[in-house]
């Protein structure tokens, strides 16, 4: 599902200032669609994680940045392992 900015903010229950902070920190990186930002289901899940880290667990901005960076690395490694498993030996 693709959501525009206002739909995304309503769905994730965040305000404009919060979204701007998250975008400037690059915690969220929406895709560009017809000269507008478009958010995906993955962005919604990531926003929920950010809210939980900050509001529920009290993690500060630096900690959120570290957690998201590690999560991104984990997903990258999972993708690499998946791709390696798809390569079939020749012969």
PDB file of N, CA and C in Angstrom:
ATOM      1  N   UNK A   1       0.836  -1.165   0.000  1.00  0.00           N
ATOM      2  CA  UNK A   1       0.000   0.000   0.000  1.00  0.00           C
ATOM      3  C   UNK A   1       0.892   1.243   0.000  1.00  0.00           C
ATOM      4  N   UNK A   2       0.517   2.222  -0.766  1.00  0.00           N
ATOM      5  CA  UNK A   2       1.253   3.481  -0.836  1.00  0.00           C
ATOM      6  C   UNK A   2       0.400   4.567  -0.195  1.00  0.00           C
ATOM      7  N   UNK A   3       1.008   5.326   0.714  1.00  0.00           N
ATOM      8  CA  UNK A   3       0.306   6.399   1.412  1.00  0.00           C
ATOM      9  C   UNK A   3       0.992   7.735   1.175  1.00  0.00           C
ATOM     10  N   UNK A   4       0.207   8.767   1.035  1.00  0.00           N
ATOM     11  CA  UNK A   4       0.734  10.130   0.972  1.00  0.00           C
ATOM     12  C   UNK A   4       1.039  10.596   2.391  1.00  0.00           C
ATOM     13  N   UNK A   5       1.723  11.717   2.493  1.00  0.00           N
ATOM     14  CA  UNK A   5       2.189  12.250   3.782  1.00  0.00           C
ATOM     15  C   UNK A   5       1.059  12.357   4.814  1.00  0.00           C
ATOM     16  N   UNK A   6      -0.043  12.986   4.472  1.00  0.00           N
ATOM     17  CA  UNK A   6      -1.120  13.184   5.443  1.00  0.00           C
ATOM     18  C   UNK A   6      -1.741  11.858   5.870  1.00  0.00           C
ATOM     19  N   UNK A   7      -1.886  10.941   4.939  1.00  0.00           N
ATOM     20  CA  UNK A   7      -2.418   9.617   5.266  1.00  0.00           C
ATOM     21  C   UNK A   7      -1.459   8.879   6.202  1.00  0.00           C
ATOM     22  N   UNK A   8      -0.174   8.994   5.902  1.00  0.00           N
ATOM     23  CA  UNK A   8       0.837   8.332   6.718  1.00  0.00           C
ATOM     24  C   UNK A   8       0.825   8.869   8.149  1.00  0.00           C
ATOM     25  N   UNK A   9       0.769  10.195   8.283  1.00  0.00           N
ATOM     26  CA  UNK A   9       0.754  10.787   9.623  1.00  0.00           C
ATOM     27  C   UNK A   9      -0.489  10.360  10.397  1.00  0.00           C
ATOM     28  N   UNK A  10      -1.619  10.310   9.732  1.00  0.00           N
ATOM     29  CA  UNK A  10      -2.850   9.875  10.401  1.00  0.00           C
ATOM     30  C   UNK A  10      -2.758   8.410  10.815  1.00  0.00           C
ATOM     31  N   UNK A  11      -2.233   7.596   9.936  1.00  0.00           N
ATOM     32  CA  UNK A  11      -2.152   6.150  10.198  1.00  0.00           C
ATOM     33  C   UNK A  11      -1.161   5.829  11.324  1.00  0.00           C
ATOM     34  N   UNK A  12      -0.093   6.615  11.422  1.00  0.00           N
ATOM     35  CA  UNK A  12       0.931   6.360  12.438  1.00  0.00           C
ATOM     36  C   UNK A  12       0.769   7.246  13.674  1.00  0.00           C
ATOM     37  N   UNK A  13      -0.199   8.151  13.618  1.00  0.00           N
ATOM     38  CA  UNK A  13      -0.499   9.035  14.745  1.00  0.00           C
ATOM     39  C   UNK A  13       0.699   9.893  15.143  1.00  0.00           C
ATOM     40  N   UNK A  14       1.356  10.487  14.133  1.00  0.00           N
ATOM     41  CA  UNK A  14       2.451  11.419  14.407  1.00  0.00           C
ATOM     42  C   UNK A  14       2.115  12.765  13.783  1.00  0.00           C
ATOM     43  N   UNK A  15       2.718  13.822  14.321  1.00  0.00           N
ATOM     44  CA  UNK A  15       2.463  15.156  13.791  1.00  0.00           C
ATOM     45  C   UNK A  15       3.535  15.542  12.767  1.00  0.00           C
ATOM     46  N   UNK A  16       3.333  16.686  12.148  1.00  0.00           N
ATOM     47  CA  UNK A  16       4.226  17.174  11.093  1.00  0.00           C
ATOM     48  C   UNK A  16       5.655  17.353  11.594  1.00  0.00           C
ATOM     49  N   UNK A  17       5.810  17.936  12.777  1.00  0.00           N
ATOM     50  CA  UNK A  17       7.151  18.184  13.322  1.00  0.00           C
ATOM     51  C   UNK A  17       7.888  16.864  13.588  1.00  0.00           C
ATOM     52  N   UNK A  18       7.182  15.887  14.119  1.00  0.00           N
ATOM     53  CA  UNK A  18       7.793  14.582  14.377  1.00  0.00           C
ATOM     54  C   UNK A  18       8.237  13.940  13.073  1.00  0.00           C
ATOM     55  N   UNK A  19       7.359  13.984  12.077  1.00  0.00           N
ATOM     56  CA  UNK A  19       7.708  13.409  10.778  1.00  0.00           C
ATOM     57  C   UNK A  19       8.925  14.105  10.185  1.00  0.00           C
ATOM     58  N   UNK A  20       8.962  15.417  10.261  1.00  0.00           N
ATOM     59  CA  UNK A  20      10.118  16.160   9.734  1.00  0.00           C
ATOM     60  C   UNK A  20      11.410  15.761  10.439  1.00  0.00           C
ATOM     61  N   UNK A  21      11.338  15.564  11.751  1.00  0.00           N
ATOM     62  CA  UNK A  21      12.521  15.124  12.506  1.00  0.00           C
ATOM     63  C   UNK A  21      12.971  13.755  12.026  1.00  0.00           C
ATOM     64  N   UNK A  22      12.040  12.830  11.892  1.00  0.00           N
ATOM     65  CA  UNK A  22      12.367  11.473  11.470  1.00  0.00           C
ATOM     66  C   UNK A  22      12.936  11.460  10.053  1.00  0.00           C
ATOM     67  N   UNK A  23      12.412  12.330   9.196  1.00  0.00           N
ATOM     68  CA  UNK A  23      12.927  12.413   7.828  1.00  0.00           C
ATOM     69  C   UNK A  23      14.332  13.017   7.821  1.00  0.00           C
ATOM     70  N   UNK A  24      14.546  14.058   8.629  1.00  0.00           N
ATOM     71  CA  UNK A  24      15.872  14.693   8.653  1.00  0.00           C
ATOM     72  C   UNK A  24      16.918  13.758   9.256  1.00  0.00           C
ATOM     73  N   UNK A  25      16.516  12.911  10.189  1.00  0.00           N
ATOM     74  CA  UNK A  25      17.419  11.912  10.764  1.00  0.00           C
ATOM     75  C   UNK A  25      17.604  10.717   9.824  1.00  0.00           C
ATOM     76  N   UNK A  26      16.804  10.684   8.769  1.00  0.00           N
ATOM     77  CA  UNK A  26      16.772   9.591   7.789  1.00  0.00           C
ATOM     78  C   UNK A  26      16.364   8.258   8.421  1.00  0.00           C
ATOM     79  N   UNK A  27      15.526   8.356   9.451  1.00  0.00           N
ATOM     80  CA  UNK A  27      14.946   7.154  10.027  1.00  0.00           C
ATOM     81  C   UNK A  27      13.872   6.616   9.102  1.00  0.00           C
ATOM     82  N   UNK A  28      13.262   7.516   8.346  1.00  0.00           N
ATOM     83  CA  UNK A  28      12.300   7.166   7.301  1.00  0.00           C
ATOM     84  C   UNK A  28      12.793   7.780   6.005  1.00  0.00           C
ATOM     85  N   UNK A  29      12.739   6.997   4.942  1.00  0.00           N
ATOM     86  CA  UNK A  29      13.151   7.489   3.627  1.00  0.00           C
ATOM     87  C   UNK A  29      12.053   7.096   2.637  1.00  0.00           C
ATOM     88  N   UNK A  30      11.054   7.981   2.478  1.00  0.00           N
ATOM     89  CA  UNK A  30       9.962   7.649   1.572  1.00  0.00           C
ATOM     90  C   UNK A  30      10.420   7.652   0.120  1.00  0.00           C
ATOM     91  N   UNK A  31       9.674   6.953  -0.696  1.00  0.00           N
ATOM     92  CA  UNK A  31       9.966   6.968  -2.125  1.00  0.00           C
ATOM     93  C   UNK A  31       9.336   8.213  -2.735  1.00  0.00           C
ATOM     94  N   UNK A  32       9.943   8.690  -3.801  1.00  0.00           N
ATOM     95  CA  UNK A  32       9.378   9.828  -4.517  1.00  0.00           C
ATOM     96  C   UNK A  32       8.418   9.304  -5.569  1.00  0.00           C
ATOM     97  N   UNK A  33       7.220   9.834  -5.564  1.00  0.00           N
ATOM     98  CA  UNK A  33       6.213   9.411  -6.526  1.00  0.00           C
ATOM     99  C   UNK A  33       5.490  10.646  -7.036  1.00  0.00           C
ATOM    100  N   UNK A  34       5.662  10.937  -8.303  1.00  0.00           N
ATOM    101  CA  UNK A  34       5.020  12.098  -8.932  1.00  0.00           C
ATOM    102  C   UNK A  34       5.298  13.375  -8.130  1.00  0.00           C
ATOM    103  N   UNK A  35       6.574  13.600  -7.859  1.00  0.00           N
ATOM    104  CA  UNK A  35       7.057  14.777  -7.128  1.00  0.00           C
ATOM    105  C   UNK A  35       6.439  14.913  -5.739  1.00  0.00           C
ATOM    106  N   UNK A  36       6.061  13.814  -5.146  1.00  0.00           N
ATOM    107  CA  UNK A  36       5.515  13.806  -3.789  1.00  0.00           C
ATOM    108  C   UNK A  36       6.084  12.605  -3.042  1.00  0.00           C
ATOM    109  N   UNK A  37       6.068  12.665  -1.734  1.00  0.00           N
ATOM    110  CA  UNK A  37       6.547  11.543  -0.928  1.00  0.00           C
ATOM    111  C   UNK A  37       5.479  10.461  -0.878  1.00  0.00           C
ATOM    112  N   UNK A  38       5.929   9.236  -0.908  1.00  0.00           N
ATOM    113  CA  UNK A  38       5.022   8.098  -0.786  1.00  0.00           C
ATOM    114  C   UNK A  38       5.582   7.150   0.262  1.00  0.00           C
ATOM    115  N   UNK A  39       4.739   6.754   1.190  1.00  0.00           N
ATOM    116  CA  UNK A  39       5.134   5.876   2.275  1.00  0.00           C
ATOM    117  C   UNK A  39       4.518   4.505   2.076  1.00  0.00           C
ATOM    118  N   UNK A  40       5.237   3.465   2.498  1.00  0.00           N
ATOM    119  CA  UNK A  40       4.799   2.086   2.304  1.00  0.00           C
ATOM    120  C   UNK A  40       4.436   1.441   3.644  1.00  0.00           C
ATOM    121  N   UNK A  41       3.969   0.209   3.563  1.00  0.00           N
ATOM    122  CA  UNK A  41       3.681  -0.557   4.777  1.00  0.00           C
ATOM    123  C   UNK A  41       4.949  -0.719   5.618  1.00  0.00           C
ATOM    124  N   UNK A  42       6.087  -0.867   4.970  1.00  0.00           N
ATOM    125  CA  UNK A  42       7.353  -0.984   5.700  1.00  0.00           C
ATOM    126  C   UNK A  42       7.643   0.303   6.480  1.00  0.00           C
ATOM    127  N   UNK A  43       7.312   1.451   5.898  1.00  0.00           N
ATOM    128  CA  UNK A  43       7.496   2.725   6.604  1.00  0.00           C
ATOM    129  C   UNK A  43       6.579   2.810   7.821  1.00  0.00           C
ATOM    130  N   UNK A  44       5.370   2.281   7.694  1.00  0.00           N
ATOM    131  CA  UNK A  44       4.443   2.267   8.828  1.00  0.00           C
ATOM    132  C   UNK A  44       5.022   1.415   9.953  1.00  0.00           C
ATOM    133  N   UNK A  45       5.523   0.231   9.621  1.00  0.00           N
ATOM    134  CA  UNK A  45       6.110  -0.648  10.629  1.00  0.00           C
ATOM    135  C   UNK A  45       7.317   0.018  11.285  1.00  0.00           C
ATOM    136  N   UNK A  46       8.127   0.691  10.474  1.00  0.00           N
ATOM    137  CA  UNK A  46       9.320   1.362  11.004  1.00  0.00           C
ATOM    138  C   UNK A  46       8.914   2.506  11.930  1.00  0.00           C
ATOM    139  N   UNK A  47       7.885   3.256  11.554  1.00  0.00           N
ATOM    140  CA  UNK A  47       7.396   4.348  12.398  1.00  0.00           C
ATOM    141  C   UNK A  47       6.880   3.805  13.730  1.00  0.00           C
ATOM    142  N   UNK A  48       6.189   2.692  13.687  1.00  0.00           N
ATOM    143  CA  UNK A  48       5.701   2.085  14.923  1.00  0.00           C
ATOM    144  C   UNK A  48       6.871   1.656  15.810  1.00  0.00           C
ATOM    145  N   UNK A  49       7.915   1.110  15.203  1.00  0.00           N
ATOM    146  CA  UNK A  49       9.105   0.728  15.958  1.00  0.00           C
ATOM    147  C   UNK A  49       9.753   1.956  16.598  1.00  0.00           C
ATOM    148  N   UNK A  50       9.875   3.035  15.845  1.00  0.00           N
ATOM    149  CA  UNK A  50      10.486   4.264  16.372  1.00  0.00           C
ATOM    150  C   UNK A  50       9.683   4.769  17.570  1.00  0.00           C
ATOM    151  N   UNK A  51       8.365   4.783  17.428  1.00  0.00           N
ATOM    152  CA  UNK A  51       7.503   5.239  18.536  1.00  0.00           C
ATOM    153  C   UNK A  51       7.689   4.344  19.762  1.00  0.00           C
ATOM    154  N   UNK A  52       7.726   3.038  19.559  1.00  0.00           N
ATOM    155  CA  UNK A  52       7.900   2.113  20.682  1.00  0.00           C
ATOM    156  C   UNK A  52       9.253   2.311  21.353  1.00  0.00           C
ATOM    157  N   UNK A  53      10.294   2.451  20.545  1.00  0.00           N
ATOM    158  CA  UNK A  53      11.626   2.671  21.116  1.00  0.00           C
ATOM    159  C   UNK A  53      11.653   3.933  21.959  1.00  0.00           C
ATOM    160  N   UNK A  54      11.076   5.001  21.437  1.00  0.00           N
ATOM    161  CA  UNK A  54      11.134   6.287  22.120  1.00  0.00           C
ATOM    162  C   UNK A  54      10.127   6.384  23.260  1.00  0.00           C
ATOM    163  N   UNK A  55       8.880   6.149  22.978  1.00  0.00           N
ATOM    164  CA  UNK A  55       7.829   6.377  23.973  1.00  0.00           C
ATOM    165  C   UNK A  55       7.729   5.256  25.002  1.00  0.00           C
ATOM    166  N   UNK A  56       7.781   4.020  24.560  1.00  0.00           N
ATOM    167  CA  UNK A  56       7.596   2.892  25.476  1.00  0.00           C
ATOM    168  C   UNK A  56       8.875   2.514  26.214  1.00  0.00           C
ATOM    169  N   UNK A  57      10.000   2.592  25.516  1.00  0.00           N
ATOM    170  CA  UNK A  57      11.265   2.139  26.105  1.00  0.00           C
ATOM    171  C   UNK A  57      12.186   3.282  26.531  1.00  0.00           C
ATOM    172  N   UNK A  58      11.858   4.517  26.158  1.00  0.00           N
ATOM    173  CA  UNK A  58      12.647   5.666  26.575  1.00  0.00           C
ATOM    174  C   UNK A  58      13.993   5.799  25.891  1.00  0.00           C
ATOM    175  N   UNK A  59      14.134   5.212  24.701  1.00  0.00           N
ATOM    176  CA  UNK A  59      15.394   5.295  23.959  1.00  0.00           C
ATOM    177  C   UNK A  59      15.519   6.704  23.369  1.00  0.00           C
ATOM    178  N   UNK A  60      16.696   7.318  23.529  1.00  0.00           N
ATOM    179  CA  UNK A  60      16.909   8.665  22.984  1.00  0.00           C
ATOM    180  C   UNK A  60      17.222   8.613  21.486  1.00  0.00           C
ATOM    181  N   UNK A  61      17.389   9.792  20.872  1.00  0.00           N
ATOM    182  CA  UNK A  61      17.601   9.856  19.418  1.00  0.00           C
ATOM    183  C   UNK A  61      18.841   9.097  18.977  1.00  0.00           C
ATOM    184  N   UNK A  62      19.928   9.234  19.718  1.00  0.00           N
ATOM    185  CA  UNK A  62      21.162   8.528  19.349  1.00  0.00           C
ATOM    186  C   UNK A  62      20.941   7.018  19.402  1.00  0.00           C
ATOM    187  N   UNK A  63      20.241   6.561  20.421  1.00  0.00           N
ATOM    188  CA  UNK A  63      19.956   5.138  20.549  1.00  0.00           C
ATOM    189  C   UNK A  63      19.057   4.629  19.448  1.00  0.00           C
ATOM    190  N   UNK A  64      18.074   5.425  19.060  1.00  0.00           N
ATOM    191  CA  UNK A  64      17.186   5.038  17.960  1.00  0.00           C
ATOM    192  C   UNK A  64      17.989   4.924  16.674  1.00  0.00           C
ATOM    193  N   UNK A  65      18.882   5.878  16.437  1.00  0.00           N
ATOM    194  CA  UNK A  65      19.720   5.829  15.234  1.00  0.00           C
ATOM    195  C   UNK A  65      20.540   4.548  15.195  1.00  0.00           C
ATOM    196  N   UNK A  66      21.136   4.180  16.312  1.00  0.00           N
ATOM    197  CA  UNK A  66      21.945   2.957  16.388  1.00  0.00           C
ATOM    198  C   UNK A  66      21.065   1.735  16.142  1.00  0.00           C
ATOM    199  N   UNK A  67      19.913   1.674  16.807  1.00  0.00           N
ATOM    200  CA  UNK A  67      19.019   0.527  16.658  1.00  0.00           C
ATOM    201  C   UNK A  67      18.558   0.370  15.213  1.00  0.00           C
ATOM    202  N   UNK A  68      18.186   1.467  14.574  1.00  0.00           N
ATOM    203  CA  UNK A  68      17.723   1.390  13.181  1.00  0.00           C
ATOM    204  C   UNK A  68      18.859   0.999  12.242  1.00  0.00           C
ATOM    205  N   UNK A  69      20.055   1.507  12.513  1.00  0.00           N
ATOM    206  CA  UNK A  69      21.215   1.150  11.684  1.00  0.00           C
ATOM    207  C   UNK A  69      21.496  -0.353  11.783  1.00  0.00           C
ATOM    208  N   UNK A  70      21.457  -0.877  13.000  1.00  0.00           N
ATOM    209  CA  UNK A  70      21.686  -2.313  13.189  1.00  0.00           C
ATOM    210  C   UNK A  70      20.582  -3.146  12.526  1.00  0.00           C
ATOM    211  N   UNK A  71      19.357  -2.695  12.636  1.00  0.00           N
ATOM    212  CA  UNK A  71      18.235  -3.382  11.999  1.00  0.00           C
ATOM    213  C   UNK A  71      18.400  -3.387  10.481  1.00  0.00           C
ATOM    214  N   UNK A  72      18.812  -2.256   9.923  1.00  0.00           N
ATOM    215  CA  UNK A  72      19.042  -2.180   8.473  1.00  0.00           C
ATOM    216  C   UNK A  72      20.162  -3.138   8.047  1.00  0.00           C
ATOM    217  N   UNK A  73      21.215  -3.210   8.863  1.00  0.00           N
ATOM    218  CA  UNK A  73      22.301  -4.141   8.548  1.00  0.00           C
ATOM    219  C   UNK A  73      21.805  -5.581   8.583  1.00  0.00           C
ATOM    220  N   UNK A  74      21.007  -5.911   9.572  1.00  0.00           N
ATOM    221  CA  UNK A  74      20.454  -7.258   9.686  1.00  0.00           C
ATOM    222  C   UNK A  74      19.612  -7.615   8.466  1.00  0.00           C
ATOM    223  N   UNK A  75      18.766  -6.702   8.040  1.00  0.00           N
ATOM    224  CA  UNK A  75      17.945  -6.957   6.851  1.00  0.00           C
ATOM    225  C   UNK A  75      18.810  -7.100   5.608  1.00  0.00           C
ATOM    226  N   UNK A  76      19.871  -6.291   5.512  1.00  0.00           N
ATOM    227  CA  UNK A  76      20.786  -6.406   4.380  1.00  0.00           C
ATOM    228  C   UNK A  76      21.486  -7.749   4.352  1.00  0.00           C
ATOM    229  N   UNK A  77      21.896  -8.225   5.509  1.00  0.00           N
ATOM    230  CA  UNK A  77      22.547  -9.536   5.586  1.00  0.00           C
ATOM    231  C   UNK A  77      21.574 -10.658   5.246  1.00  0.00           C
ATOM    232  N   UNK A  78      20.355 -10.552   5.713  1.00  0.00           N
ATOM    233  CA  UNK A  78      19.343 -11.564   5.387  1.00  0.00           C
ATOM    234  C   UNK A  78      19.100 -11.616   3.885  1.00  0.00           C
ATOM    235  N   UNK A  79      19.035 -10.450   3.259  1.00  0.00           N
ATOM    236  CA  UNK A  79      18.835 -10.380   1.816  1.00  0.00           C
ATOM    237  C   UNK A  79      20.017 -11.003   1.083  1.00  0.00           C
ATOM    238  N   UNK A  80      21.236 -10.718   1.545  1.00  0.00           N
ATOM    239  CA  UNK A  80      22.442 -11.274   0.912  1.00  0.00           C
ATOM    240  C   UNK A  80      22.477 -12.791   1.035  1.00  0.00           C
ATOM    241  N   UNK A  81      22.129 -13.309   2.210  1.00  0.00           N
ATOM    242  CA  UNK A  81      22.099 -14.770   2.404  1.00  0.00           C
ATOM    243  C   UNK A  81      21.045 -15.392   1.496  1.00  0.00           C
ATOM    244  N   UNK A  82      19.887 -14.762   1.414  1.00  0.00           N
ATOM    245  CA  UNK A  82      18.830 -15.273   0.536  1.00  0.00           C
ATOM    246  C   UNK A  82      19.321 -15.329  -0.908  1.00  0.00           C
ATOM    247  N   UNK A  83      19.951 -14.263  -1.365  1.00  0.00           N
ATOM    248  CA  UNK A  83      20.440 -14.217  -2.741  1.00  0.00           C
ATOM    249  C   UNK A  83      21.519 -15.269  -2.977  1.00  0.00           C
ATOM    250  N   UNK A  84      22.381 -15.474  -2.011  1.00  0.00           N
ATOM    251  CA  UNK A  84      23.413 -16.505  -2.151  1.00  0.00           C
ATOM    252  C   UNK A  84      22.793 -17.894  -2.240  1.00  0.00           C
ATOM    253  N   UNK A  85      21.745 -18.109  -1.507  1.00  0.00           N
ATOM    254  CA  UNK A  85      21.086 -19.425  -1.535  1.00  0.00           C
ATOM    255  C   UNK A  85      20.369 -19.663  -2.861  1.00  0.00           C
ATOM    256  N   UNK A  86      20.072 -18.618  -3.597  1.00  0.00           N
ATOM    257  CA  UNK A  86      19.384 -18.744  -4.870  1.00  0.00           C
ATOM    258  C   UNK A  86      20.329 -19.110  -6.009  1.00  0.00           C
ATOM    259  N   UNK A  87      21.631 -18.906  -5.788  1.00  0.00           N
ATOM    260  CA  UNK A  87      22.625 -19.234  -6.809  1.00  0.00           C
ATOM    261  C   UNK A  87      22.834 -20.739  -6.829  1.00  0.00           C
ATOM    262  N   UNK A  88      22.619 -21.328  -7.973  1.00  0.00           N
ATOM    263  CA  UNK A  88      22.774 -22.771  -8.090  1.00  0.00           C
ATOM    264  C   UNK A  88      24.137 -23.068  -8.719  1.00  0.00           C
ATOM    265  N   UNK A  89      24.837 -24.077  -8.208  1.00  0.00           N
ATOM    266  CA  UNK A  89      26.149 -24.405  -8.767  1.00  0.00           C
ATOM    267  C   UNK A  89      26.026 -24.899 -10.199  1.00  0.00           C
ATOM    268  N   UNK A  90      27.002 -24.541 -10.979  1.00  0.00           N
ATOM    269  CA  UNK A  90      27.052 -25.009 -12.381  1.00  0.00           C
ATOM    270  C   UNK A  90      27.724 -26.359 -12.432  1.00  0.00           C
ATOM    271  N   UNK A  91      27.375 -27.089 -13.448  1.00  0.00           N
ATOM    272  CA  UNK A  91      28.127 -28.295 -13.629  1.00  0.00           C
ATOM    273  C   UNK A  91      27.306 -29.477 -13.713  1.00  0.00           C
TER     274      UNK A  91
END
